[in-house]
Amino acid sequence: MSLRFIDWIWQVKGSLALAPEQSGDDAFDKLAPLFRQTGTSHERTNDTLTFRKKDPAAQDKMSVFDSGVLQIEEGAAGSVLRYRLSSRILMFCFLAPLLFLGFAQLTIALNKFENPSSAESKKSAKKDVVIPMNPIDKALGAPAPEKPKKEEKGKDEKGKSPSPTPAYVFAAIFAALYVVGRILEDRLIKTLFRKSLLGS
C-alpha cells in the first residue's frame, strides 16, 4: 500500500495564496525567521525550501514538526505556497491508543486463562466436597478433615483480577490528543505562515 494513502496520519498539508505583488523570494525571506531556530537546519533550492529539526527549543513555534517541504507554485490565479510537514508526535499519538487497546485485550485474555470457567469451577467444587467422617473415627476422637483451600490465581492483594479499564482510559486520552492535535496544528501552522507572509 502506497504511503500517500496513510501519510495524512503524521503529515499536515496545505496551501496559501500569495499576495499578487509578492514574489517567491520575498515569501521565503519573510518565512526565513521560522527556520532560524535552535536545532533547525534548512536548505533552499529555487522555489523549494526543505527543513529538519533535531531537539527543537520549547519556544519554537514549529517544534511539533520534525521535517517538511515548502514550495512556491505558479497558478492561474497567481503564486501559491504549498507545504507538507511531518510530525513524529502526531504519529505517536495515533499509535498509542492501538498499543493500549492491545494491553487491554491481553489483560482480558490473561484473566480468562488464569481464572477457571464456571464449568471448571463446578467440577473443582465437586472434587473439593468433604467426605463425612466414619462413625468409628468420630467415636475414637479423630480430628475432622480440613476443608481444601481455594487457590485464587491471577488476583492482586485485594483479591481482584487485573482490570483492562486503565488501558482503555489511556487509549481514549491519546485518541483525543491525536484528534485535537491534528485539527489544531493544521490551523495553527496555516495561521503562522499567513502572519509571516503578511509581515505581522
N, C-alpha and C. Protein backbone atom coordinates (compact mmCIF):
# COMPACT_ATOMS: atom_id res chain seq x y z
N MET A 1 0.85 -1.20 0.00
CA MET A 1 0.00 0.00 0.00
C MET A 1 0.89 1.25 0.00
N SER A 2 0.55 2.18 -0.89
CA SER A 2 1.34 3.40 -1.00
C SER A 2 1.17 4.26 0.25
N LEU A 3 2.30 4.88 0.65
CA LEU A 3 2.27 5.71 1.86
C LEU A 3 1.39 6.95 1.70
N ARG A 4 1.15 7.35 0.46
CA ARG A 4 0.35 8.58 0.27
C ARG A 4 -1.08 8.42 0.74
N PHE A 5 -1.53 7.15 0.90
CA PHE A 5 -2.88 6.92 1.38
C PHE A 5 -2.98 7.00 2.91
N ILE A 6 -1.84 6.89 3.58
CA ILE A 6 -1.85 6.92 5.05
C ILE A 6 -0.98 8.02 5.64
N ASP A 7 -0.28 8.79 4.79
CA ASP A 7 0.63 9.81 5.33
C ASP A 7 -0.10 10.97 6.00
N TRP A 8 -1.45 11.05 5.80
CA TRP A 8 -2.23 12.08 6.50
C TRP A 8 -2.17 11.89 8.01
N ILE A 9 -1.80 10.67 8.45
CA ILE A 9 -1.74 10.39 9.89
C ILE A 9 -0.69 11.27 10.55
N TRP A 10 0.48 11.39 9.96
CA TRP A 10 1.57 12.14 10.58
C TRP A 10 1.98 13.40 9.80
N GLN A 11 1.31 13.67 8.70
CA GLN A 11 1.67 14.85 7.91
C GLN A 11 0.54 15.87 7.88
N VAL A 12 0.94 17.13 7.85
CA VAL A 12 -0.01 18.24 7.71
C VAL A 12 0.30 18.91 6.37
N LYS A 13 -0.70 18.96 5.50
CA LYS A 13 -0.52 19.57 4.19
C LYS A 13 -1.48 20.73 4.02
N GLY A 14 -1.06 21.69 3.20
CA GLY A 14 -1.95 22.83 2.95
C GLY A 14 -1.35 23.76 1.92
N SER A 15 -2.05 24.83 1.66
CA SER A 15 -1.59 25.82 0.70
C SER A 15 -2.11 27.20 1.07
N LEU A 16 -1.36 28.21 0.66
CA LEU A 16 -1.74 29.60 0.90
C LEU A 16 -1.46 30.41 -0.35
N ALA A 17 -2.42 31.21 -0.77
CA ALA A 17 -2.21 32.08 -1.93
C ALA A 17 -1.37 33.28 -1.52
N LEU A 18 -0.35 33.60 -2.32
CA LEU A 18 0.49 34.76 -2.04
C LEU A 18 -0.20 36.02 -2.57
N ALA A 19 0.18 37.14 -2.01
CA ALA A 19 -0.36 38.42 -2.49
C ALA A 19 0.09 38.62 -3.94
N PRO A 20 -0.72 39.29 -4.76
CA PRO A 20 -0.39 39.45 -6.19
C PRO A 20 1.01 40.02 -6.44
N GLU A 21 1.44 40.94 -5.57
CA GLU A 21 2.73 41.60 -5.78
C GLU A 21 3.89 40.86 -5.11
N GLN A 22 3.58 39.75 -4.44
CA GLN A 22 4.61 39.05 -3.67
C GLN A 22 5.29 37.96 -4.52
N SER A 23 6.61 38.03 -4.58
CA SER A 23 7.37 37.03 -5.33
C SER A 23 7.73 35.86 -4.42
N GLY A 24 8.25 34.80 -5.02
CA GLY A 24 8.67 33.64 -4.25
C GLY A 24 9.82 33.97 -3.32
N ASP A 25 10.76 34.78 -3.81
CA ASP A 25 11.92 35.17 -2.99
C ASP A 25 11.46 35.98 -1.78
N ASP A 26 10.52 36.90 -2.03
CA ASP A 26 10.01 37.72 -0.92
C ASP A 26 9.28 36.86 0.11
N ALA A 27 8.52 35.87 -0.37
CA ALA A 27 7.78 34.99 0.54
C ALA A 27 8.75 34.18 1.41
N PHE A 28 9.79 33.61 0.81
CA PHE A 28 10.75 32.82 1.58
C PHE A 28 11.56 33.70 2.54
N ASP A 29 11.82 34.93 2.15
CA ASP A 29 12.54 35.86 3.04
C ASP A 29 11.72 36.14 4.29
N LYS A 30 10.40 36.27 4.12
CA LYS A 30 9.54 36.54 5.28
C LYS A 30 9.35 35.30 6.15
N LEU A 31 9.44 34.12 5.55
CA LEU A 31 9.31 32.87 6.31
C LEU A 31 10.63 32.44 6.95
N ALA A 32 11.73 33.01 6.49
CA ALA A 32 13.06 32.59 6.95
C ALA A 32 13.25 32.59 8.46
N PRO A 33 12.73 33.61 9.22
CA PRO A 33 12.93 33.59 10.68
C PRO A 33 12.39 32.33 11.36
N LEU A 34 11.39 31.71 10.78
CA LEU A 34 10.82 30.49 11.37
C LEU A 34 11.80 29.32 11.33
N PHE A 35 12.77 29.40 10.40
CA PHE A 35 13.73 28.30 10.23
C PHE A 35 15.12 28.66 10.74
N ARG A 36 15.21 29.75 11.50
CA ARG A 36 16.48 30.13 12.12
C ARG A 36 16.46 29.83 13.62
N GLN A 37 15.71 28.82 13.98
CA GLN A 37 15.56 28.44 15.39
C GLN A 37 16.60 27.39 15.78
N THR A 38 16.83 27.26 17.09
CA THR A 38 17.78 26.28 17.61
C THR A 38 17.34 24.87 17.21
N GLY A 39 18.29 24.10 16.67
CA GLY A 39 18.01 22.72 16.29
C GLY A 39 17.39 22.57 14.92
N THR A 40 17.24 23.68 14.18
CA THR A 40 16.61 23.64 12.85
C THR A 40 17.65 23.87 11.77
N SER A 41 17.66 23.01 10.77
CA SER A 41 18.51 23.20 9.60
C SER A 41 17.60 23.25 8.37
N HIS A 42 17.96 24.10 7.39
CA HIS A 42 17.12 24.21 6.20
C HIS A 42 17.96 24.48 4.96
N GLU A 43 17.40 24.10 3.83
CA GLU A 43 18.03 24.33 2.53
C GLU A 43 16.99 24.91 1.58
N ARG A 44 17.46 25.81 0.74
CA ARG A 44 16.55 26.40 -0.24
C ARG A 44 17.11 26.22 -1.64
N THR A 45 16.29 25.66 -2.51
CA THR A 45 16.69 25.46 -3.91
C THR A 45 15.59 26.02 -4.79
N ASN A 46 15.92 27.08 -5.51
CA ASN A 46 14.93 27.74 -6.38
C ASN A 46 13.64 28.05 -5.61
N ASP A 47 12.54 27.38 -5.95
CA ASP A 47 11.26 27.68 -5.32
C ASP A 47 10.88 26.65 -4.25
N THR A 48 11.86 25.95 -3.72
CA THR A 48 11.58 24.90 -2.72
C THR A 48 12.47 25.09 -1.50
N LEU A 49 11.87 24.97 -0.33
CA LEU A 49 12.61 25.03 0.94
C LEU A 49 12.32 23.76 1.72
N THR A 50 13.38 23.09 2.15
CA THR A 50 13.24 21.88 2.98
C THR A 50 13.90 22.14 4.34
N PHE A 51 13.32 21.60 5.39
CA PHE A 51 13.90 21.80 6.72
C PHE A 51 13.82 20.52 7.55
N ARG A 52 14.68 20.46 8.54
CA ARG A 52 14.68 19.37 9.52
C ARG A 52 14.92 19.95 10.90
N LYS A 53 14.34 19.30 11.91
CA LYS A 53 14.51 19.76 13.29
C LYS A 53 15.04 18.62 14.14
N LYS A 54 15.98 18.95 15.01
CA LYS A 54 16.51 17.98 15.97
C LYS A 54 16.60 18.66 17.33
N ASP A 55 15.88 18.13 18.30
CA ASP A 55 15.82 18.71 19.65
C ASP A 55 15.48 20.21 19.60
N PRO A 56 14.34 20.57 19.01
CA PRO A 56 13.97 21.99 18.94
C PRO A 56 13.68 22.57 20.32
N ALA A 57 13.87 23.87 20.43
CA ALA A 57 13.59 24.56 21.69
C ALA A 57 12.08 24.61 21.92
N ALA A 58 11.71 24.70 23.20
CA ALA A 58 10.28 24.70 23.55
C ALA A 58 9.56 25.91 22.99
N GLN A 59 10.27 27.04 22.84
CA GLN A 59 9.63 28.26 22.34
C GLN A 59 9.52 28.29 20.81
N ASP A 60 10.05 27.28 20.15
CA ASP A 60 9.95 27.18 18.69
C ASP A 60 8.48 26.94 18.32
N LYS A 61 7.92 27.82 17.51
CA LYS A 61 6.50 27.73 17.15
C LYS A 61 6.20 26.54 16.24
N MET A 62 7.26 25.94 15.67
CA MET A 62 7.08 24.78 14.79
C MET A 62 7.71 23.52 15.38
N SER A 63 7.86 23.49 16.70
CA SER A 63 8.56 22.38 17.35
C SER A 63 7.84 21.03 17.19
N VAL A 64 6.54 21.06 16.90
CA VAL A 64 5.78 19.82 16.72
C VAL A 64 6.24 19.06 15.48
N PHE A 65 6.75 19.79 14.49
CA PHE A 65 7.13 19.18 13.21
C PHE A 65 8.62 18.88 13.16
N ASP A 66 8.95 17.71 12.64
CA ASP A 66 10.35 17.26 12.57
C ASP A 66 10.99 17.61 11.23
N SER A 67 10.21 17.67 10.19
CA SER A 67 10.73 17.99 8.87
C SER A 67 9.58 18.46 7.99
N GLY A 68 9.96 19.00 6.82
CA GLY A 68 8.91 19.46 5.92
C GLY A 68 9.46 20.06 4.65
N VAL A 69 8.56 20.30 3.71
CA VAL A 69 8.90 20.90 2.41
C VAL A 69 7.91 22.02 2.13
N LEU A 70 8.43 23.19 1.77
CA LEU A 70 7.60 24.32 1.36
C LEU A 70 7.96 24.65 -0.08
N GLN A 71 6.95 24.86 -0.91
CA GLN A 71 7.20 25.09 -2.33
C GLN A 71 6.29 26.19 -2.86
N ILE A 72 6.88 27.05 -3.70
CA ILE A 72 6.11 28.11 -4.35
C ILE A 72 5.75 27.61 -5.75
N GLU A 73 4.46 27.61 -6.06
CA GLU A 73 3.99 27.17 -7.37
C GLU A 73 3.24 28.30 -8.05
N GLU A 74 3.43 28.39 -9.36
CA GLU A 74 2.71 29.40 -10.14
C GLU A 74 1.39 28.81 -10.63
N GLY A 75 0.30 29.46 -10.27
CA GLY A 75 -1.02 29.01 -10.71
C GLY A 75 -1.70 30.04 -11.58
N ALA A 76 -2.87 29.68 -12.07
CA ALA A 76 -3.63 30.60 -12.95
C ALA A 76 -4.02 31.87 -12.20
N ALA A 77 -4.30 31.71 -10.89
CA ALA A 77 -4.74 32.86 -10.09
C ALA A 77 -3.57 33.57 -9.41
N GLY A 78 -2.33 33.08 -9.64
CA GLY A 78 -1.17 33.69 -9.01
C GLY A 78 -0.32 32.66 -8.29
N SER A 79 0.68 33.13 -7.55
CA SER A 79 1.60 32.23 -6.84
C SER A 79 0.93 31.64 -5.60
N VAL A 80 1.28 30.39 -5.33
CA VAL A 80 0.71 29.68 -4.18
C VAL A 80 1.83 29.02 -3.40
N LEU A 81 1.79 29.14 -2.07
CA LEU A 81 2.73 28.42 -1.21
C LEU A 81 2.08 27.10 -0.80
N ARG A 82 2.71 25.99 -1.15
CA ARG A 82 2.23 24.68 -0.72
C ARG A 82 3.24 24.11 0.27
N TYR A 83 2.72 23.47 1.31
CA TYR A 83 3.60 22.90 2.34
C TYR A 83 3.15 21.50 2.74
N ARG A 84 4.15 20.71 3.13
CA ARG A 84 3.92 19.34 3.61
C ARG A 84 4.86 19.13 4.80
N LEU A 85 4.29 19.02 6.00
CA LEU A 85 5.07 18.94 7.23
C LEU A 85 4.83 17.60 7.93
N SER A 86 5.90 17.01 8.45
CA SER A 86 5.81 15.70 9.13
C SER A 86 6.03 15.85 10.62
N SER A 87 5.28 15.05 11.40
CA SER A 87 5.37 15.12 12.86
C SER A 87 5.38 13.73 13.48
N ARG A 88 6.45 13.42 14.21
CA ARG A 88 6.51 12.13 14.92
C ARG A 88 5.58 12.13 16.12
N ILE A 89 5.32 13.30 16.69
CA ILE A 89 4.41 13.38 17.84
C ILE A 89 3.00 12.97 17.42
N LEU A 90 2.57 13.42 16.25
CA LEU A 90 1.25 13.02 15.76
C LEU A 90 1.20 11.51 15.51
N MET A 91 2.29 10.97 14.97
CA MET A 91 2.36 9.53 14.73
C MET A 91 2.25 8.76 16.04
N PHE A 92 2.97 9.23 17.08
CA PHE A 92 2.94 8.57 18.39
C PHE A 92 1.53 8.60 18.98
N CYS A 93 0.88 9.78 18.91
CA CYS A 93 -0.47 9.92 19.47
C CYS A 93 -1.48 9.06 18.71
N PHE A 94 -1.21 8.78 17.43
CA PHE A 94 -2.10 7.92 16.65
C PHE A 94 -1.90 6.44 17.03
N LEU A 95 -0.64 6.04 17.25
CA LEU A 95 -0.35 4.63 17.54
C LEU A 95 -0.57 4.25 19.00
N ALA A 96 -0.44 5.22 19.91
CA ALA A 96 -0.57 4.92 21.34
C ALA A 96 -1.92 4.28 21.70
N PRO A 97 -3.07 4.76 21.18
CA PRO A 97 -4.34 4.09 21.52
C PRO A 97 -4.36 2.63 21.10
N LEU A 98 -3.77 2.32 19.94
CA LEU A 98 -3.72 0.93 19.47
C LEU A 98 -2.91 0.07 20.43
N LEU A 99 -1.81 0.65 20.94
CA LEU A 99 -0.97 -0.07 21.89
C LEU A 99 -1.72 -0.37 23.19
N PHE A 100 -2.42 0.64 23.71
CA PHE A 100 -3.15 0.44 24.97
C PHE A 100 -4.36 -0.49 24.78
N LEU A 101 -4.99 -0.45 23.62
CA LEU A 101 -6.08 -1.40 23.35
C LEU A 101 -5.54 -2.83 23.32
N GLY A 102 -4.31 -2.97 22.80
CA GLY A 102 -3.67 -4.28 22.81
C GLY A 102 -3.41 -4.76 24.23
N PHE A 103 -2.97 -3.84 25.11
CA PHE A 103 -2.76 -4.19 26.53
C PHE A 103 -4.06 -4.63 27.17
N ALA A 104 -5.16 -3.92 26.84
CA ALA A 104 -6.46 -4.26 27.42
C ALA A 104 -6.89 -5.67 27.02
N GLN A 105 -6.73 -5.98 25.72
CA GLN A 105 -7.11 -7.31 25.24
C GLN A 105 -6.23 -8.39 25.85
N LEU A 106 -4.95 -8.07 26.06
CA LEU A 106 -4.04 -9.04 26.69
C LEU A 106 -4.45 -9.30 28.13
N THR A 107 -4.84 -8.25 28.85
CA THR A 107 -5.30 -8.39 30.24
C THR A 107 -6.54 -9.27 30.31
N ILE A 108 -7.49 -9.04 29.40
CA ILE A 108 -8.72 -9.85 29.37
C ILE A 108 -8.40 -11.31 29.10
N ALA A 109 -7.48 -11.54 28.14
CA ALA A 109 -7.11 -12.92 27.79
C ALA A 109 -6.42 -13.61 28.96
N LEU A 110 -5.54 -12.88 29.67
CA LEU A 110 -4.85 -13.47 30.82
C LEU A 110 -5.82 -13.80 31.95
N ASN A 111 -6.81 -12.91 32.16
CA ASN A 111 -7.82 -13.18 33.20
C ASN A 111 -8.62 -14.44 32.89
N LYS A 112 -8.97 -14.61 31.62
CA LYS A 112 -9.71 -15.81 31.23
C LYS A 112 -8.86 -17.06 31.39
N PHE A 113 -7.57 -16.91 31.08
CA PHE A 113 -6.67 -18.06 31.15
C PHE A 113 -6.38 -18.47 32.59
N GLU A 114 -6.19 -17.46 33.48
CA GLU A 114 -5.79 -17.74 34.85
C GLU A 114 -6.97 -18.06 35.77
N ASN A 115 -8.16 -17.56 35.46
CA ASN A 115 -9.33 -17.83 36.28
C ASN A 115 -10.18 -18.91 35.60
N PRO A 116 -10.47 -20.02 36.26
CA PRO A 116 -11.23 -21.10 35.64
C PRO A 116 -12.63 -20.66 35.27
N SER A 117 -13.19 -21.32 34.26
CA SER A 117 -14.57 -21.01 33.83
C SER A 117 -15.56 -21.58 34.84
N SER A 118 -16.83 -21.25 34.66
CA SER A 118 -17.85 -21.70 35.61
C SER A 118 -17.97 -23.23 35.60
N ALA A 119 -17.82 -23.84 34.42
CA ALA A 119 -17.91 -25.31 34.34
C ALA A 119 -16.78 -25.96 35.11
N GLU A 120 -15.57 -25.39 34.96
CA GLU A 120 -14.42 -25.94 35.69
C GLU A 120 -14.56 -25.71 37.18
N SER A 121 -15.18 -24.58 37.53
CA SER A 121 -15.38 -24.27 38.94
C SER A 121 -16.32 -25.30 39.59
N LYS A 122 -17.37 -25.68 38.83
CA LYS A 122 -18.31 -26.67 39.36
C LYS A 122 -17.63 -28.02 39.56
N LYS A 123 -16.78 -28.38 38.58
CA LYS A 123 -16.07 -29.67 38.69
C LYS A 123 -15.15 -29.67 39.91
N SER A 124 -14.43 -28.53 40.07
CA SER A 124 -13.49 -28.45 41.20
C SER A 124 -14.26 -28.42 42.52
N ALA A 125 -15.48 -27.83 42.50
CA ALA A 125 -16.29 -27.79 43.72
C ALA A 125 -16.71 -29.19 44.14
N LYS A 126 -17.04 -30.01 43.12
CA LYS A 126 -17.42 -31.39 43.42
C LYS A 126 -16.24 -32.16 44.00
N LYS A 127 -15.05 -31.88 43.44
CA LYS A 127 -13.86 -32.58 43.94
C LYS A 127 -13.53 -32.15 45.37
N ASP A 128 -13.86 -30.90 45.69
CA ASP A 128 -13.50 -30.35 46.99
C ASP A 128 -14.51 -30.68 48.09
N VAL A 129 -15.59 -31.42 47.77
CA VAL A 129 -16.60 -31.76 48.78
C VAL A 129 -15.96 -32.65 49.85
N VAL A 130 -16.15 -32.30 51.10
CA VAL A 130 -15.57 -33.06 52.22
C VAL A 130 -16.39 -34.32 52.47
N ILE A 131 -15.72 -35.45 52.48
CA ILE A 131 -16.39 -36.73 52.76
C ILE A 131 -16.69 -36.81 54.24
N PRO A 132 -17.93 -37.18 54.63
CA PRO A 132 -18.27 -37.24 56.05
C PRO A 132 -17.42 -38.30 56.80
N MET A 133 -17.17 -38.00 58.08
CA MET A 133 -16.33 -38.91 58.89
C MET A 133 -17.06 -40.22 59.19
N ASN A 134 -16.27 -41.23 59.25
CA ASN A 134 -16.78 -42.55 59.65
C ASN A 134 -17.19 -42.48 61.12
N PRO A 135 -18.34 -43.05 61.50
CA PRO A 135 -18.76 -43.02 62.91
C PRO A 135 -17.72 -43.59 63.87
N ILE A 136 -16.97 -44.57 63.42
CA ILE A 136 -15.93 -45.19 64.28
C ILE A 136 -14.83 -44.17 64.56
N ASP A 137 -14.42 -43.44 63.46
CA ASP A 137 -13.38 -42.42 63.64
C ASP A 137 -13.86 -41.33 64.59
N LYS A 138 -15.15 -41.01 64.47
CA LYS A 138 -15.73 -39.99 65.35
C LYS A 138 -15.68 -40.45 66.79
N ALA A 139 -16.03 -41.72 67.01
CA ALA A 139 -16.07 -42.28 68.37
C ALA A 139 -14.68 -42.32 68.97
N LEU A 140 -13.69 -42.55 68.12
CA LEU A 140 -12.30 -42.62 68.61
C LEU A 140 -11.69 -41.23 68.81
N GLY A 141 -12.43 -40.19 68.41
CA GLY A 141 -11.95 -38.81 68.63
C GLY A 141 -10.98 -38.32 67.58
N ALA A 142 -11.03 -38.91 66.37
CA ALA A 142 -10.14 -38.46 65.29
C ALA A 142 -10.55 -37.06 64.83
N PRO A 143 -9.59 -36.21 64.54
CA PRO A 143 -9.93 -34.84 64.10
C PRO A 143 -10.61 -34.87 62.73
N ALA A 144 -11.53 -33.92 62.53
CA ALA A 144 -12.25 -33.82 61.24
C ALA A 144 -11.29 -33.31 60.17
N PRO A 145 -11.41 -33.82 58.96
CA PRO A 145 -10.52 -33.35 57.89
C PRO A 145 -10.78 -31.88 57.57
N GLU A 146 -9.70 -31.16 57.24
CA GLU A 146 -9.82 -29.73 56.90
C GLU A 146 -10.37 -29.56 55.50
N LYS A 147 -11.14 -28.48 55.32
CA LYS A 147 -11.67 -28.16 54.00
C LYS A 147 -10.53 -27.66 53.12
N PRO A 148 -10.48 -28.14 51.88
CA PRO A 148 -9.41 -27.68 50.99
C PRO A 148 -9.52 -26.18 50.71
N LYS A 149 -8.37 -25.50 50.72
CA LYS A 149 -8.35 -24.07 50.48
C LYS A 149 -8.37 -23.80 48.97
N LYS A 150 -9.20 -22.86 48.56
CA LYS A 150 -9.28 -22.49 47.15
C LYS A 150 -8.15 -21.53 46.81
N GLU A 151 -7.45 -21.89 45.75
CA GLU A 151 -6.38 -21.02 45.29
C GLU A 151 -6.94 -20.05 44.25
N GLU A 152 -6.69 -18.82 44.46
CA GLU A 152 -7.18 -17.80 43.54
C GLU A 152 -6.00 -17.24 42.79
N LYS A 153 -5.88 -17.69 41.54
CA LYS A 153 -4.77 -17.25 40.72
C LYS A 153 -5.17 -16.02 39.92
N GLY A 154 -4.14 -15.24 39.54
CA GLY A 154 -4.39 -14.07 38.71
C GLY A 154 -5.04 -12.93 39.44
N LYS A 155 -4.99 -12.89 40.75
CA LYS A 155 -5.61 -11.81 41.51
C LYS A 155 -4.56 -11.06 42.30
N ASP A 156 -4.84 -9.81 42.55
CA ASP A 156 -3.89 -9.00 43.31
C ASP A 156 -4.13 -9.16 44.80
N GLU A 157 -3.44 -8.34 45.60
CA GLU A 157 -3.50 -8.47 47.05
C GLU A 157 -4.91 -8.21 47.59
N LYS A 158 -5.72 -7.43 46.89
CA LYS A 158 -7.07 -7.13 47.35
C LYS A 158 -8.07 -8.19 46.90
N GLY A 159 -7.60 -9.21 46.18
CA GLY A 159 -8.48 -10.27 45.73
C GLY A 159 -9.21 -9.96 44.45
N LYS A 160 -8.74 -8.98 43.67
CA LYS A 160 -9.40 -8.61 42.43
C LYS A 160 -8.50 -8.93 41.24
N SER A 161 -9.11 -9.36 40.15
CA SER A 161 -8.35 -9.64 38.94
C SER A 161 -7.90 -8.32 38.30
N PRO A 162 -6.75 -8.32 37.60
CA PRO A 162 -6.30 -7.10 36.92
C PRO A 162 -7.38 -6.61 35.95
N SER A 163 -7.61 -5.31 35.96
CA SER A 163 -8.68 -4.74 35.14
C SER A 163 -8.10 -4.09 33.87
N PRO A 164 -8.80 -4.24 32.73
CA PRO A 164 -8.36 -3.58 31.50
C PRO A 164 -8.77 -2.11 31.42
N THR A 165 -9.53 -1.64 32.41
CA THR A 165 -10.06 -0.27 32.37
C THR A 165 -8.98 0.80 32.22
N PRO A 166 -7.87 0.76 33.02
CA PRO A 166 -6.83 1.80 32.84
C PRO A 166 -6.31 1.87 31.41
N ALA A 167 -6.15 0.71 30.76
CA ALA A 167 -5.66 0.70 29.38
C ALA A 167 -6.65 1.39 28.45
N TYR A 168 -7.96 1.14 28.67
CA TYR A 168 -8.99 1.80 27.86
C TYR A 168 -8.97 3.32 28.09
N VAL A 169 -8.76 3.73 29.34
CA VAL A 169 -8.71 5.17 29.66
C VAL A 169 -7.56 5.85 28.94
N PHE A 170 -6.36 5.23 28.99
CA PHE A 170 -5.19 5.82 28.31
C PHE A 170 -5.39 5.83 26.80
N ALA A 171 -6.01 4.79 26.26
CA ALA A 171 -6.29 4.75 24.81
C ALA A 171 -7.19 5.91 24.42
N ALA A 172 -8.21 6.17 25.23
CA ALA A 172 -9.14 7.28 24.95
C ALA A 172 -8.44 8.63 25.05
N ILE A 173 -7.55 8.77 26.03
CA ILE A 173 -6.82 10.04 26.20
C ILE A 173 -5.96 10.34 24.99
N PHE A 174 -5.17 9.34 24.55
CA PHE A 174 -4.29 9.56 23.40
C PHE A 174 -5.07 9.73 22.10
N ALA A 175 -6.20 9.06 21.98
CA ALA A 175 -7.04 9.24 20.78
C ALA A 175 -7.56 10.68 20.73
N ALA A 176 -7.98 11.20 21.90
CA ALA A 176 -8.45 12.58 21.96
C ALA A 176 -7.32 13.56 21.65
N LEU A 177 -6.12 13.28 22.19
CA LEU A 177 -4.96 14.14 21.92
C LEU A 177 -4.65 14.18 20.43
N TYR A 178 -4.75 13.02 19.78
CA TYR A 178 -4.44 12.97 18.34
C TYR A 178 -5.45 13.80 17.55
N VAL A 179 -6.74 13.60 17.82
CA VAL A 179 -7.77 14.31 17.06
C VAL A 179 -7.65 15.81 17.25
N VAL A 180 -7.50 16.23 18.52
CA VAL A 180 -7.37 17.67 18.81
C VAL A 180 -6.09 18.22 18.20
N GLY A 181 -4.98 17.51 18.38
CA GLY A 181 -3.70 17.96 17.86
C GLY A 181 -3.68 18.04 16.35
N ARG A 182 -4.28 17.05 15.70
CA ARG A 182 -4.30 17.03 14.22
C ARG A 182 -5.06 18.22 13.66
N ILE A 183 -6.19 18.54 14.25
CA ILE A 183 -7.00 19.68 13.79
C ILE A 183 -6.35 21.00 14.17
N LEU A 184 -5.89 21.08 15.44
CA LEU A 184 -5.32 22.33 15.94
C LEU A 184 -4.03 22.71 15.23
N GLU A 185 -3.12 21.74 15.05
CA GLU A 185 -1.84 22.04 14.41
C GLU A 185 -2.03 22.48 12.96
N ASP A 186 -3.00 21.89 12.28
CA ASP A 186 -3.29 22.28 10.91
C ASP A 186 -3.66 23.76 10.85
N ARG A 187 -4.51 24.19 11.78
CA ARG A 187 -4.96 25.59 11.79
C ARG A 187 -3.85 26.53 12.25
N LEU A 188 -3.09 26.09 13.27
CA LEU A 188 -2.04 26.95 13.82
C LEU A 188 -0.94 27.23 12.81
N ILE A 189 -0.52 26.17 12.07
CA ILE A 189 0.58 26.37 11.13
C ILE A 189 0.15 27.25 9.96
N LYS A 190 -1.10 27.10 9.54
CA LYS A 190 -1.60 27.96 8.44
C LYS A 190 -1.65 29.41 8.89
N THR A 191 -2.10 29.63 10.13
CA THR A 191 -2.14 31.00 10.67
C THR A 191 -0.74 31.58 10.81
N LEU A 192 0.21 30.74 11.26
CA LEU A 192 1.60 31.19 11.43
C LEU A 192 2.20 31.59 10.09
N PHE A 193 2.01 30.77 9.06
CA PHE A 193 2.55 31.10 7.74
C PHE A 193 1.89 32.35 7.18
N ARG A 194 0.59 32.49 7.37
CA ARG A 194 -0.13 33.66 6.85
C ARG A 194 0.39 34.95 7.49
N LYS A 195 0.56 34.92 8.81
CA LYS A 195 1.06 36.12 9.51
C LYS A 195 2.49 36.45 9.07
N SER A 196 3.31 35.42 8.88
CA SER A 196 4.69 35.66 8.46
C SER A 196 4.75 36.25 7.05
N LEU A 197 3.90 35.76 6.16
CA LEU A 197 3.89 36.26 4.79
C LEU A 197 3.37 37.70 4.72
N LEU A 198 2.46 38.04 5.64
CA LEU A 198 1.95 39.42 5.68
C LEU A 198 2.90 40.36 6.40
N GLY A 199 3.92 39.77 7.06
CA GLY A 199 4.90 40.58 7.76
C GLY A 199 4.44 41.07 9.09
N SER A 200 3.36 40.41 9.70
CA SER A 200 2.84 40.85 11.01
C SER A 200 3.26 39.87 12.06
